[in-house]
Amino acid sequence: MIRVLLVDDQPLIRSGFRAFLNLEDDIEVVAEAANGVEAVALAREHLPDVAMVDIQMPVADGLEATRRIAADPSLSGVHVVILTNYGMDEYVLEALRAGAAGFLVKDIQPEDFVHAVRVAARGDALLAPSITRALIDQYVAQPSPADAPLGLAELTNREREAVTLVARGMSNDEVAETMVISVLTAKTHINRAMTKLHARDRAQLVVIAYESGLVRAPRRA
């Protein structure tokens, strides 16, 4: 059973999310919060698998709630997905750096929202195509980094290749197919790379890959 914490300052939005999540046999909404402070407290109380967190809230916003959850070792199993009405590009990197596993806009279809919960619960990075494009565009405009992050030199060639493919948006199955290895081996390469690079999840692994220069975003023609 996937346990979900809903965090939004608008009760009507929370009730809508709860209504269609509760229709799923494998998903349970365990708590609701109206601000970031409540979100952290309820996350500690209920230890959800996924926290769907609004970006703009009173008391403490979604970014601050994400930072606090990511910084708490007891909440390492909580995967935060940031929600917004706006899809503002400036939030993308900040949310991922804060420790978010993904970033969604609220106008997605209910079935896509449910799918997002399942993807986040698996520990996979969750970025809508428009968000991925914004992420890449931001790195195109940045100069190459002067220093590689700690741990990059420890990656094997196969681990580097796996990280590069993950950063390009590939799933474990696609990484395995491209590298001509089993899915289990692909997962092993990715998990070892995450450990060496101190990445909380795949979303942060993507950020590290671009920030380190391991992956360079292609420039548009």
Protein backbone atom coordinates (compact mmCIF):
# COMPACT_ATOMS: atom_id res chain seq x y z
CA MET A 1 0.00 0.00 0.00
CA ILE A 2 1.34 3.44 -0.99
CA ARG A 3 0.83 5.93 1.83
CA VAL A 4 0.29 9.54 0.74
CA LEU A 5 0.42 12.88 2.56
CA LEU A 6 -1.46 15.72 0.83
CA VAL A 7 -0.19 19.24 1.50
CA ASP A 8 -2.12 22.25 0.17
CA ASP A 9 -3.58 25.32 1.84
CA GLN A 10 -6.84 24.96 -0.12
CA PRO A 11 -9.19 22.34 1.42
CA LEU A 12 -11.14 21.94 -1.81
CA ILE A 13 -8.00 20.94 -3.73
CA ARG A 14 -6.99 18.48 -1.01
CA SER A 15 -10.44 16.90 -1.01
CA GLY A 16 -10.33 16.54 -4.80
CA PHE A 17 -6.95 14.83 -4.70
CA ARG A 18 -8.09 12.59 -1.85
CA ALA A 19 -11.26 11.61 -3.70
CA PHE A 20 -9.57 10.10 -6.73
CA LEU A 21 -6.58 8.68 -4.84
CA ASN A 22 -8.95 6.82 -2.55
CA LEU A 23 -10.43 5.08 -5.58
CA GLU A 24 -7.16 3.19 -6.00
CA ASP A 25 -6.75 -0.12 -4.19
CA ASP A 26 -3.01 0.36 -3.69
CA ILE A 27 -3.03 3.99 -2.47
CA GLU A 28 -4.08 5.40 0.92
CA VAL A 29 -4.18 9.08 1.92
CA VAL A 30 -2.94 8.99 5.52
CA ALA A 31 -3.00 12.71 6.34
CA GLU A 32 -3.58 16.24 5.05
CA ALA A 33 -1.68 19.44 5.88
CA ALA A 34 -2.44 23.09 5.12
CA ASN A 35 1.12 24.47 5.37
CA GLY A 36 4.74 23.41 5.39
CA VAL A 37 5.09 23.24 9.17
CA GLU A 38 2.11 20.89 9.43
CA ALA A 39 3.52 18.87 6.53
CA VAL A 40 6.79 18.15 8.32
CA ALA A 41 5.03 17.27 11.58
CA LEU A 42 2.58 14.93 9.84
CA ALA A 43 5.36 13.37 7.79
CA ARG A 44 7.16 12.48 11.02
CA GLU A 45 3.95 11.14 12.53
CA HIS A 46 2.73 9.05 9.59
CA LEU A 47 5.92 8.32 7.59
CA PRO A 48 4.19 8.43 4.19
CA ASP A 49 5.80 7.01 1.07
CA VAL A 50 4.88 10.12 -0.93
CA ALA A 51 4.15 13.72 0.05
CA MET A 52 2.37 15.77 -2.63
CA VAL A 53 3.28 19.33 -1.61
CA ASP A 54 1.94 22.65 -2.92
CA ILE A 55 4.63 25.20 -3.71
CA GLN A 56 2.91 28.30 -2.32
CA MET A 57 1.51 28.09 1.21
CA PRO A 58 1.41 30.21 4.37
CA VAL A 59 3.67 29.75 7.42
CA ALA A 60 6.21 27.67 5.42
CA ASP A 61 6.01 27.08 1.69
CA GLY A 62 6.54 23.85 -0.22
CA LEU A 63 10.23 24.44 -0.80
CA GLU A 64 10.91 24.95 2.90
CA ALA A 65 8.84 21.89 3.79
CA THR A 66 10.83 19.86 1.26
CA ARG A 67 14.14 21.06 2.69
CA ARG A 68 13.11 20.09 6.21
CA ILE A 69 11.87 16.67 5.14
CA ALA A 70 15.01 15.98 3.09
CA ALA A 71 17.25 17.06 5.99
CA ASP A 72 15.59 14.70 8.48
CA PRO A 73 17.22 11.23 8.42
CA SER A 74 14.05 9.69 9.87
CA LEU A 75 12.16 10.83 6.76
CA SER A 76 14.57 9.42 4.19
CA GLY A 77 11.81 7.19 2.82
CA VAL A 78 9.46 10.11 2.08
CA HIS A 79 9.44 11.12 -1.59
CA VAL A 80 8.29 14.71 -2.08
CA VAL A 81 6.51 15.79 -5.26
CA ILE A 82 6.08 19.55 -5.63
CA LEU A 83 2.75 20.82 -7.00
CA THR A 84 2.00 24.23 -8.47
CA ASN A 85 -0.63 26.03 -10.49
CA TYR A 86 2.04 27.88 -12.40
CA GLY A 87 4.83 25.62 -13.56
CA MET A 88 7.26 28.51 -13.02
CA ASP A 89 10.70 27.66 -14.32
CA GLU A 90 12.51 29.33 -11.43
CA TYR A 91 11.05 26.80 -9.02
CA VAL A 92 12.33 23.75 -10.88
CA LEU A 93 15.97 23.68 -9.80
CA GLU A 94 15.23 25.06 -6.37
CA ALA A 95 12.69 22.30 -5.71
CA LEU A 96 15.02 19.56 -6.93
CA ARG A 97 17.97 20.92 -4.98
CA ALA A 98 15.76 21.07 -1.90
CA GLY A 99 15.26 17.33 -2.22
CA ALA A 100 12.06 16.96 -4.25
CA ALA A 101 11.62 13.76 -6.24
CA GLY A 102 9.53 15.52 -8.85
CA PHE A 103 7.61 18.56 -9.96
CA LEU A 104 4.07 18.64 -11.36
CA VAL A 105 1.52 21.23 -12.42
CA LYS A 106 -1.95 20.87 -10.91
CA ASP A 107 -3.83 20.90 -14.20
CA ILE A 108 -2.80 17.33 -15.06
CA GLN A 109 -5.45 14.68 -15.55
CA PRO A 110 -6.47 12.56 -12.50
CA GLU A 111 -5.00 9.41 -14.02
CA ASP A 112 -1.68 11.21 -14.52
CA PHE A 113 -1.73 12.37 -10.91
CA VAL A 114 -2.28 8.80 -9.72
CA HIS A 115 0.53 7.60 -11.99
CA ALA A 116 2.79 10.29 -10.51
CA VAL A 117 2.16 8.97 -7.01
CA ARG A 118 3.17 5.47 -8.06
CA VAL A 119 6.29 6.69 -9.90
CA ALA A 120 7.40 8.76 -6.90
CA ALA A 121 6.77 5.86 -4.52
CA ARG A 122 9.17 3.72 -6.60
CA GLY A 123 11.86 6.33 -6.07
CA ASP A 124 11.98 7.40 -9.73
CA ALA A 125 12.45 10.99 -10.83
CA LEU A 126 9.20 12.62 -11.87
CA LEU A 127 9.47 15.55 -14.25
CA ALA A 128 6.86 16.55 -16.80
CA PRO A 129 8.33 17.07 -20.32
CA SER A 130 7.87 20.84 -20.03
CA ILE A 131 9.74 20.82 -16.72
CA THR A 132 12.57 18.73 -18.18
CA ARG A 133 12.90 21.19 -21.07
CA ALA A 134 13.10 24.10 -18.62
CA LEU A 135 15.75 22.27 -16.60
CA ILE A 136 17.87 21.62 -19.67
CA ASP A 137 17.45 25.18 -20.95
CA GLN A 138 18.70 26.55 -17.66
CA TYR A 139 21.86 24.46 -17.86
CA VAL A 140 22.46 25.47 -21.48
CA ALA A 141 22.82 29.04 -20.26
CA GLN A 142 25.31 28.12 -17.55
CA PRO A 143 29.10 27.97 -17.98
CA SER A 144 30.87 24.68 -17.39
CA PRO A 145 31.51 24.06 -13.69
CA ALA A 146 35.01 24.63 -12.37
CA ASP A 147 34.99 21.74 -9.93
CA ALA A 148 33.47 18.27 -10.13
CA PRO A 149 31.38 17.18 -7.14
CA LEU A 150 32.88 14.87 -4.54
CA GLY A 151 32.40 11.28 -5.63
CA LEU A 152 32.35 11.83 -9.39
CA ALA A 153 35.89 10.48 -9.78
CA GLU A 154 34.82 7.29 -7.99
CA LEU A 155 32.26 6.36 -10.65
CA THR A 156 33.12 3.49 -12.95
CA ASN A 157 32.71 3.97 -16.69
CA ARG A 158 29.48 1.96 -16.64
CA GLU A 159 28.13 3.98 -13.73
CA ARG A 160 28.92 7.21 -15.58
CA GLU A 161 27.12 5.90 -18.64
CA ALA A 162 24.09 4.94 -16.57
CA VAL A 163 23.96 8.36 -14.91
CA THR A 164 24.19 10.06 -18.30
CA LEU A 165 21.23 8.06 -19.59
CA VAL A 166 19.17 8.76 -16.46
CA ALA A 167 19.89 12.47 -16.87
CA ARG A 168 18.51 12.26 -20.39
CA GLY A 169 15.22 11.04 -19.00
CA MET A 170 15.53 7.29 -19.53
CA SER A 171 13.78 4.72 -17.34
CA ASN A 172 15.59 1.71 -15.89
CA ASP A 173 14.30 -0.44 -18.76
CA GLU A 174 15.56 2.05 -21.33
CA VAL A 175 18.95 2.34 -19.62
CA ALA A 176 19.25 -1.44 -19.63
CA GLU A 177 18.33 -1.68 -23.30
CA THR A 178 20.76 1.06 -24.32
CA MET A 179 23.63 -0.40 -22.30
CA VAL A 180 22.74 -3.98 -23.35
CA ILE A 181 22.53 -5.20 -19.77
CA SER A 182 19.79 -6.55 -17.53
CA VAL A 183 17.39 -4.20 -15.73
CA LEU A 184 18.76 -5.43 -12.41
CA THR A 185 22.31 -4.53 -13.45
CA ALA A 186 21.14 -1.11 -14.65
CA LYS A 187 19.51 -0.49 -11.27
CA THR A 188 22.72 -1.57 -9.54
CA HIS A 189 24.83 0.90 -11.55
CA ILE A 190 22.36 3.71 -10.83
CA ASN A 191 22.07 2.95 -7.12
CA ARG A 192 25.84 2.76 -6.70
CA ALA A 193 26.23 6.08 -8.50
CA MET A 194 23.61 7.66 -6.24
CA THR A 195 25.50 6.41 -3.19
CA LYS A 196 28.86 7.72 -4.42
CA LEU A 197 27.40 11.10 -5.38
CA HIS A 198 25.29 11.37 -2.22
CA ALA A 199 22.12 11.81 -4.27
CA ARG A 200 18.91 11.41 -2.27
CA ASP A 201 17.03 10.10 -5.31
CA ARG A 202 17.06 10.02 -9.11
CA ALA A 203 15.89 13.61 -9.39
CA GLN A 204 18.93 14.85 -7.49
CA LEU A 205 21.10 12.52 -9.55
CA VAL A 206 19.88 14.36 -12.67
CA VAL A 207 20.75 17.74 -11.11
CA ILE A 208 24.24 16.52 -10.13
CA ALA A 209 24.83 15.14 -13.62
CA TYR A 210 24.19 18.54 -15.20
CA GLU A 211 25.86 20.64 -12.51
CA SER A 212 29.01 18.53 -12.64
CA GLY A 213 29.28 18.74 -16.41
CA LEU A 214 28.97 14.96 -16.70
CA VAL A 215 26.03 15.71 -18.97
CA ARG A 216 25.94 18.81 -21.14
CA ALA A 217 22.55 20.01 -22.32
CA PRO A 218 22.32 20.21 -26.13
CA ARG A 219 21.98 23.70 -27.51
CA ARG A 220 19.01 24.47 -29.65
CA ALA A 221 19.65 25.21 -33.28
